[in-house]
Amino acid sequence: MAKNKGSRIIITLECQCENQKNTLKRAPGLFRYTTTKNRRNTPHRIELEKFCPKCNIHTKFKEIK
């Protein structure tokens, strides 16, 4: 029998580096990470600092729908 996931949901984090004009990009386009979060502990949208291989720097990744 399958186990119920409960309050954990899958979210997508998208790079916000395209707003920064002073970065040297390797290739055009966006980069996204997929992760999970607990809906009860973090009901708001999360924002994490992660590495973007397109920009070759650490940037903020915001949760999208």
PDB file of N, CA and C in Angstrom:
ATOM      1  N   MET A   1       0.840  -1.169   0.000  1.00  0.00           N
ATOM      2  CA  MET A   1       0.000   0.000   0.000  1.00  0.00           C
ATOM      3  C   MET A   1       0.891   1.242   0.000  1.00  0.00           C
ATOM      4  N   ALA A   2       0.511   2.255  -0.762  1.00  0.00           N
ATOM      5  CA  ALA A   2       1.291   3.477  -0.863  1.00  0.00           C
ATOM      6  C   ALA A   2       1.154   4.311   0.400  1.00  0.00           C
ATOM      7  N   LYS A   3       2.227   4.958   0.762  1.00  0.00           N
ATOM      8  CA  LYS A   3       2.229   5.800   1.952  1.00  0.00           C
ATOM      9  C   LYS A   3       1.829   7.226   1.575  1.00  0.00           C
ATOM     10  N   ASN A   4       1.006   7.850   2.387  1.00  0.00           N
ATOM     11  CA  ASN A   4       0.561   9.211   2.141  1.00  0.00           C
ATOM     12  C   ASN A   4       1.695  10.193   2.426  1.00  0.00           C
ATOM     13  N   LYS A   5       1.933  11.124   1.503  1.00  0.00           N
ATOM     14  CA  LYS A   5       3.014  12.098   1.666  1.00  0.00           C
ATOM     15  C   LYS A   5       2.709  13.127   2.747  1.00  0.00           C
ATOM     16  N   GLY A   6       1.457  13.352   3.036  1.00  0.00           N
ATOM     17  CA  GLY A   6       1.107  14.294   4.092  1.00  0.00           C
ATOM     18  C   GLY A   6       1.222  15.732   3.641  1.00  0.00           C
ATOM     19  N   SER A   7       1.940  16.530   4.427  1.00  0.00           N
ATOM     20  CA  SER A   7       2.002  17.966   4.145  1.00  0.00           C
ATOM     21  C   SER A   7       3.223  18.368   3.334  1.00  0.00           C
ATOM     22  N   ARG A   8       4.037  17.401   2.876  1.00  0.00           N
ATOM     23  CA  ARG A   8       5.202  17.730   2.058  1.00  0.00           C
ATOM     24  C   ARG A   8       4.777  17.862   0.598  1.00  0.00           C
ATOM     25  N   ILE A   9       5.215  18.964  -0.030  1.00  0.00           N
ATOM     26  CA  ILE A   9       4.869  19.203  -1.430  1.00  0.00           C
ATOM     27  C   ILE A   9       6.145  19.444  -2.224  1.00  0.00           C
ATOM     28  N   ILE A  10       6.081  19.181  -3.522  1.00  0.00           N
ATOM     29  CA  ILE A  10       7.204  19.424  -4.420  1.00  0.00           C
ATOM     30  C   ILE A  10       7.114  20.854  -4.927  1.00  0.00           C
ATOM     31  N   ILE A  11       8.233  21.581  -4.835  1.00  0.00           N
ATOM     32  CA  ILE A  11       8.267  22.973  -5.301  1.00  0.00           C
ATOM     33  C   ILE A  11       9.395  23.131  -6.314  1.00  0.00           C
ATOM     34  N   THR A  12       9.332  24.193  -7.100  1.00  0.00           N
ATOM     35  CA  THR A  12      10.364  24.521  -8.074  1.00  0.00           C
ATOM     36  C   THR A  12      10.981  25.858  -7.702  1.00  0.00           C
ATOM     37  N   LEU A  13      12.304  25.894  -7.670  1.00  0.00           N
ATOM     38  CA  LEU A  13      13.041  27.126  -7.388  1.00  0.00           C
ATOM     39  C   LEU A  13      13.651  27.630  -8.685  1.00  0.00           C
ATOM     40  N   GLU A  14      13.419  28.913  -8.991  1.00  0.00           N
ATOM     41  CA  GLU A  14      13.903  29.492 -10.242  1.00  0.00           C
ATOM     42  C   GLU A  14      14.929  30.566  -9.962  1.00  0.00           C
ATOM     43  N   CYS A  15      15.963  30.606 -10.783  1.00  0.00           N
ATOM     44  CA  CYS A  15      17.050  31.576 -10.629  1.00  0.00           C
ATOM     45  C   CYS A  15      16.547  32.993 -10.894  1.00  0.00           C
ATOM     46  N   GLN A  16      16.987  33.929 -10.075  1.00  0.00           N
ATOM     47  CA  GLN A  16      16.616  35.327 -10.228  1.00  0.00           C
ATOM     48  C   GLN A  16      17.783  36.151 -10.774  1.00  0.00           C
ATOM     49  N   CYS A  17      18.747  35.495 -11.393  1.00  0.00           N
ATOM     50  CA  CYS A  17      19.963  36.178 -11.830  1.00  0.00           C
ATOM     51  C   CYS A  17      19.762  36.991 -13.093  1.00  0.00           C
ATOM     52  N   GLU A  18      18.686  36.768 -13.834  1.00  0.00           N
ATOM     53  CA  GLU A  18      18.482  37.531 -15.060  1.00  0.00           C
ATOM     54  C   GLU A  18      18.211  39.005 -14.769  1.00  0.00           C
ATOM     55  N   ASN A  19      17.844  39.310 -13.521  1.00  0.00           N
ATOM     56  CA  ASN A  19      17.630  40.699 -13.127  1.00  0.00           C
ATOM     57  C   ASN A  19      18.943  41.427 -12.873  1.00  0.00           C
ATOM     58  N   GLN A  20      20.017  40.690 -12.655  1.00  0.00           N
ATOM     59  CA  GLN A  20      21.326  41.282 -12.400  1.00  0.00           C
ATOM     60  C   GLN A  20      22.057  41.428 -13.726  1.00  0.00           C
ATOM     61  N   LYS A  21      22.292  42.648 -14.158  1.00  0.00           N
ATOM     62  CA  LYS A  21      22.876  42.900 -15.472  1.00  0.00           C
ATOM     63  C   LYS A  21      24.399  42.821 -15.477  1.00  0.00           C
ATOM     64  N   ASN A  22      25.036  42.864 -14.318  1.00  0.00           N
ATOM     65  CA  ASN A  22      26.494  42.908 -14.280  1.00  0.00           C
ATOM     66  C   ASN A  22      27.137  41.524 -14.208  1.00  0.00           C
ATOM     67  N   THR A  23      26.376  40.452 -14.407  1.00  0.00           N
ATOM     68  CA  THR A  23      26.943  39.108 -14.352  1.00  0.00           C
ATOM     69  C   THR A  23      27.292  38.635 -15.744  1.00  0.00           C
ATOM     70  N   LEU A  24      28.337  37.855 -15.845  1.00  0.00           N
ATOM     71  CA  LEU A  24      28.717  37.258 -17.113  1.00  0.00           C
ATOM     72  C   LEU A  24      28.042  35.902 -17.228  1.00  0.00           C
ATOM     73  N   LYS A  25      27.203  35.749 -18.216  1.00  0.00           N
ATOM     74  CA  LYS A  25      26.456  34.514 -18.373  1.00  0.00           C
ATOM     75  C   LYS A  25      27.201  33.571 -19.314  1.00  0.00           C
ATOM     76  N   ARG A  26      27.104  32.299 -19.030  1.00  0.00           N
ATOM     77  CA  ARG A  26      27.664  31.295 -19.932  1.00  0.00           C
ATOM     78  C   ARG A  26      26.743  31.083 -21.128  1.00  0.00           C
ATOM     79  N   ALA A  27      25.449  30.958 -20.837  1.00  0.00           N
ATOM     80  CA  ALA A  27      24.470  30.711 -21.890  1.00  0.00           C
ATOM     81  C   ALA A  27      23.162  31.376 -21.497  1.00  0.00           C
ATOM     82  N   PRO A  28      22.364  31.813 -22.456  1.00  0.00           N
ATOM     83  CA  PRO A  28      21.090  32.441 -22.104  1.00  0.00           C
ATOM     84  C   PRO A  28      20.088  31.408 -21.591  1.00  0.00           C
ATOM     85  N   GLY A  29      19.139  31.878 -20.796  1.00  0.00           N
ATOM     86  CA  GLY A  29      18.089  30.997 -20.291  1.00  0.00           C
ATOM     87  C   GLY A  29      18.023  30.970 -18.790  1.00  0.00           C
ATOM     88  N   LEU A  30      17.066  30.220 -18.276  1.00  0.00           N
ATOM     89  CA  LEU A  30      16.841  30.104 -16.848  1.00  0.00           C
ATOM     90  C   LEU A  30      17.381  28.782 -16.341  1.00  0.00           C
ATOM     91  N   PHE A  31      17.569  28.716 -15.021  1.00  0.00           N
ATOM     92  CA  PHE A  31      17.968  27.467 -14.385  1.00  0.00           C
ATOM     93  C   PHE A  31      17.038  27.243 -13.211  1.00  0.00           C
ATOM     94  N   ARG A  32      16.604  25.994 -13.010  1.00  0.00           N
ATOM     95  CA  ARG A  32      15.647  25.681 -11.951  1.00  0.00           C
ATOM     96  C   ARG A  32      16.099  24.465 -11.168  1.00  0.00           C
ATOM     97  N   TYR A  33      15.798  24.495  -9.855  1.00  0.00           N
ATOM     98  CA  TYR A  33      15.982  23.353  -8.972  1.00  0.00           C
ATOM     99  C   TYR A  33      14.610  22.869  -8.535  1.00  0.00           C
ATOM    100  N   THR A  34      14.486  21.577  -8.258  1.00  0.00           N
ATOM    101  CA  THR A  34      13.258  21.011  -7.723  1.00  0.00           C
ATOM    102  C   THR A  34      13.567  20.418  -6.359  1.00  0.00           C
ATOM    103  N   THR A  35      12.723  20.726  -5.370  1.00  0.00           N
ATOM    104  CA  THR A  35      12.922  20.238  -4.011  1.00  0.00           C
ATOM    105  C   THR A  35      11.562  20.079  -3.344  1.00  0.00           C
ATOM    106  N   THR A  36      11.559  19.698  -2.083  1.00  0.00           N
ATOM    107  CA  THR A  36      10.310  19.574  -1.335  1.00  0.00           C
ATOM    108  C   THR A  36      10.349  20.477  -0.117  1.00  0.00           C
ATOM    109  N   LYS A  37       9.166  20.823   0.367  1.00  0.00           N
ATOM    110  CA  LYS A  37       9.076  21.603   1.597  1.00  0.00           C
ATOM    111  C   LYS A  37       7.853  21.160   2.374  1.00  0.00           C
ATOM    112  N   ASN A  38       7.860  21.434   3.672  1.00  0.00           N
ATOM    113  CA  ASN A  38       6.729  21.117   4.528  1.00  0.00           C
ATOM    114  C   ASN A  38       5.773  22.305   4.518  1.00  0.00           C
ATOM    115  N   ARG A  39       4.570  22.058   4.067  1.00  0.00           N
ATOM    116  CA  ARG A  39       3.586  23.134   3.940  1.00  0.00           C
ATOM    117  C   ARG A  39       3.185  23.723   5.293  1.00  0.00           C
ATOM    118  N   ARG A  40       3.212  22.917   6.338  1.00  0.00           N
ATOM    119  CA  ARG A  40       2.814  23.404   7.669  1.00  0.00           C
ATOM    120  C   ARG A  40       3.885  24.291   8.294  1.00  0.00           C
ATOM    121  N   ASN A  41       5.157  23.936   8.125  1.00  0.00           N
ATOM    122  CA  ASN A  41       6.238  24.709   8.739  1.00  0.00           C
ATOM    123  C   ASN A  41       6.580  25.976   7.960  1.00  0.00           C
ATOM    124  N   THR A  42       6.480  25.932   6.642  1.00  0.00           N
ATOM    125  CA  THR A  42       6.798  27.094   5.807  1.00  0.00           C
ATOM    126  C   THR A  42       5.652  27.351   4.835  1.00  0.00           C
ATOM    127  N   PRO A  43       4.601  28.041   5.273  1.00  0.00           N
ATOM    128  CA  PRO A  43       3.465  28.289   4.392  1.00  0.00           C
ATOM    129  C   PRO A  43       3.749  29.348   3.325  1.00  0.00           C
ATOM    130  N   HIS A  44       4.732  30.211   3.563  1.00  0.00           N
ATOM    131  CA  HIS A  44       5.060  31.252   2.592  1.00  0.00           C
ATOM    132  C   HIS A  44       6.061  30.710   1.574  1.00  0.00           C
ATOM    133  N   ARG A  45       6.309  31.483   0.526  1.00  0.00           N
ATOM    134  CA  ARG A  45       7.257  31.070  -0.507  1.00  0.00           C
ATOM    135  C   ARG A  45       8.684  31.217   0.009  1.00  0.00           C
ATOM    136  N   ILE A  46       9.508  30.225  -0.268  1.00  0.00           N
ATOM    137  CA  ILE A  46      10.870  30.253   0.252  1.00  0.00           C
ATOM    138  C   ILE A  46      11.822  30.849  -0.781  1.00  0.00           C
ATOM    139  N   GLU A  47      12.960  31.311  -0.289  1.00  0.00           N
ATOM    140  CA  GLU A  47      14.004  31.907  -1.112  1.00  0.00           C
ATOM    141  C   GLU A  47      15.339  31.387  -0.590  1.00  0.00           C
ATOM    142  N   LEU A  48      16.104  30.718  -1.444  1.00  0.00           N
ATOM    143  CA  LEU A  48      17.363  30.112  -1.046  1.00  0.00           C
ATOM    144  C   LEU A  48      18.507  30.632  -1.903  1.00  0.00           C
ATOM    145  N   GLU A  49      19.698  30.632  -1.342  1.00  0.00           N
ATOM    146  CA  GLU A  49      20.909  31.013  -2.061  1.00  0.00           C
ATOM    147  C   GLU A  49      21.555  29.723  -2.576  1.00  0.00           C
ATOM    148  N   LYS A  50      21.574  29.560  -3.908  1.00  0.00           N
ATOM    149  CA  LYS A  50      22.118  28.353  -4.524  1.00  0.00           C
ATOM    150  C   LYS A  50      23.004  28.731  -5.709  1.00  0.00           C
ATOM    151  N   PHE A  51      23.740  27.751  -6.212  1.00  0.00           N
ATOM    152  CA  PHE A  51      24.643  27.998  -7.335  1.00  0.00           C
ATOM    153  C   PHE A  51      23.896  27.905  -8.657  1.00  0.00           C
ATOM    154  N   CYS A  52      24.090  28.895  -9.514  1.00  0.00           N
ATOM    155  CA  CYS A  52      23.492  28.909 -10.842  1.00  0.00           C
ATOM    156  C   CYS A  52      24.591  28.634 -11.860  1.00  0.00           C
ATOM    157  N   PRO A  53      24.554  27.486 -12.544  1.00  0.00           N
ATOM    158  CA  PRO A  53      25.592  27.193 -13.525  1.00  0.00           C
ATOM    159  C   PRO A  53      25.516  28.069 -14.774  1.00  0.00           C
ATOM    160  N   LYS A  54      24.380  28.672 -15.033  1.00  0.00           N
ATOM    161  CA  LYS A  54      24.252  29.573 -16.182  1.00  0.00           C
ATOM    162  C   LYS A  54      25.033  30.868 -15.955  1.00  0.00           C
ATOM    163  N   CYS A  55      25.017  31.364 -14.701  1.00  0.00           N
ATOM    164  CA  CYS A  55      25.705  32.615 -14.363  1.00  0.00           C
ATOM    165  C   CYS A  55      27.075  32.372 -13.746  1.00  0.00           C
ATOM    166  N   ASN A  56      27.304  31.154 -13.303  1.00  0.00           N
ATOM    167  CA  ASN A  56      28.558  30.757 -12.668  1.00  0.00           C
ATOM    168  C   ASN A  56      28.788  31.461 -11.332  1.00  0.00           C
ATOM    169  N   ILE A  57      27.707  31.818 -10.628  1.00  0.00           N
ATOM    170  CA  ILE A  57      27.792  32.448  -9.310  1.00  0.00           C
ATOM    171  C   ILE A  57      26.649  31.936  -8.436  1.00  0.00           C
ATOM    172  N   HIS A  58      26.729  32.207  -7.136  1.00  0.00           N
ATOM    173  CA  HIS A  58      25.634  31.910  -6.222  1.00  0.00           C
ATOM    174  C   HIS A  58      24.631  33.057  -6.288  1.00  0.00           C
ATOM    175  N   THR A  59      23.363  32.726  -6.512  1.00  0.00           N
ATOM    176  CA  THR A  59      22.304  33.727  -6.596  1.00  0.00           C
ATOM    177  C   THR A  59      21.094  33.258  -5.805  1.00  0.00           C
ATOM    178  N   LYS A  60      20.118  34.127  -5.695  1.00  0.00           N
ATOM    179  CA  LYS A  60      18.880  33.786  -4.986  1.00  0.00           C
ATOM    180  C   LYS A  60      17.953  33.028  -5.922  1.00  0.00           C
ATOM    181  N   PHE A  61      17.394  31.971  -5.398  1.00  0.00           N
ATOM    182  CA  PHE A  61      16.390  31.186  -6.102  1.00  0.00           C
ATOM    183  C   PHE A  61      15.085  31.325  -5.364  1.00  0.00           C
ATOM    184  N   LYS A  62      14.023  31.746  -6.071  1.00  0.00           N
ATOM    185  CA  LYS A  62      12.715  31.940  -5.458  1.00  0.00           C
ATOM    186  C   LYS A  62      11.762  30.847  -5.917  1.00  0.00           C
ATOM    187  N   GLU A  63      10.842  30.524  -5.024  1.00  0.00           N
ATOM    188  CA  GLU A  63       9.838  29.500  -5.317  1.00  0.00           C
ATOM    189  C   GLU A  63       8.836  30.033  -6.331  1.00  0.00           C
ATOM    190  N   ILE A  64       8.524  29.203  -7.322  1.00  0.00           N
ATOM    191  CA  ILE A  64       7.493  29.561  -8.300  1.00  0.00           C
ATOM    192  C   ILE A  64       6.400  28.513  -8.228  1.00  0.00           C
ATOM    193  N   LYS A  65       5.275  28.778  -8.859  1.00  0.00           N
ATOM    194  CA  LYS A  65       4.163  27.819  -8.838  1.00  0.00           C
ATOM    195  C   LYS A  65       4.426  26.681  -9.775  1.00  0.00           C
TER     196      LYS A  65
END
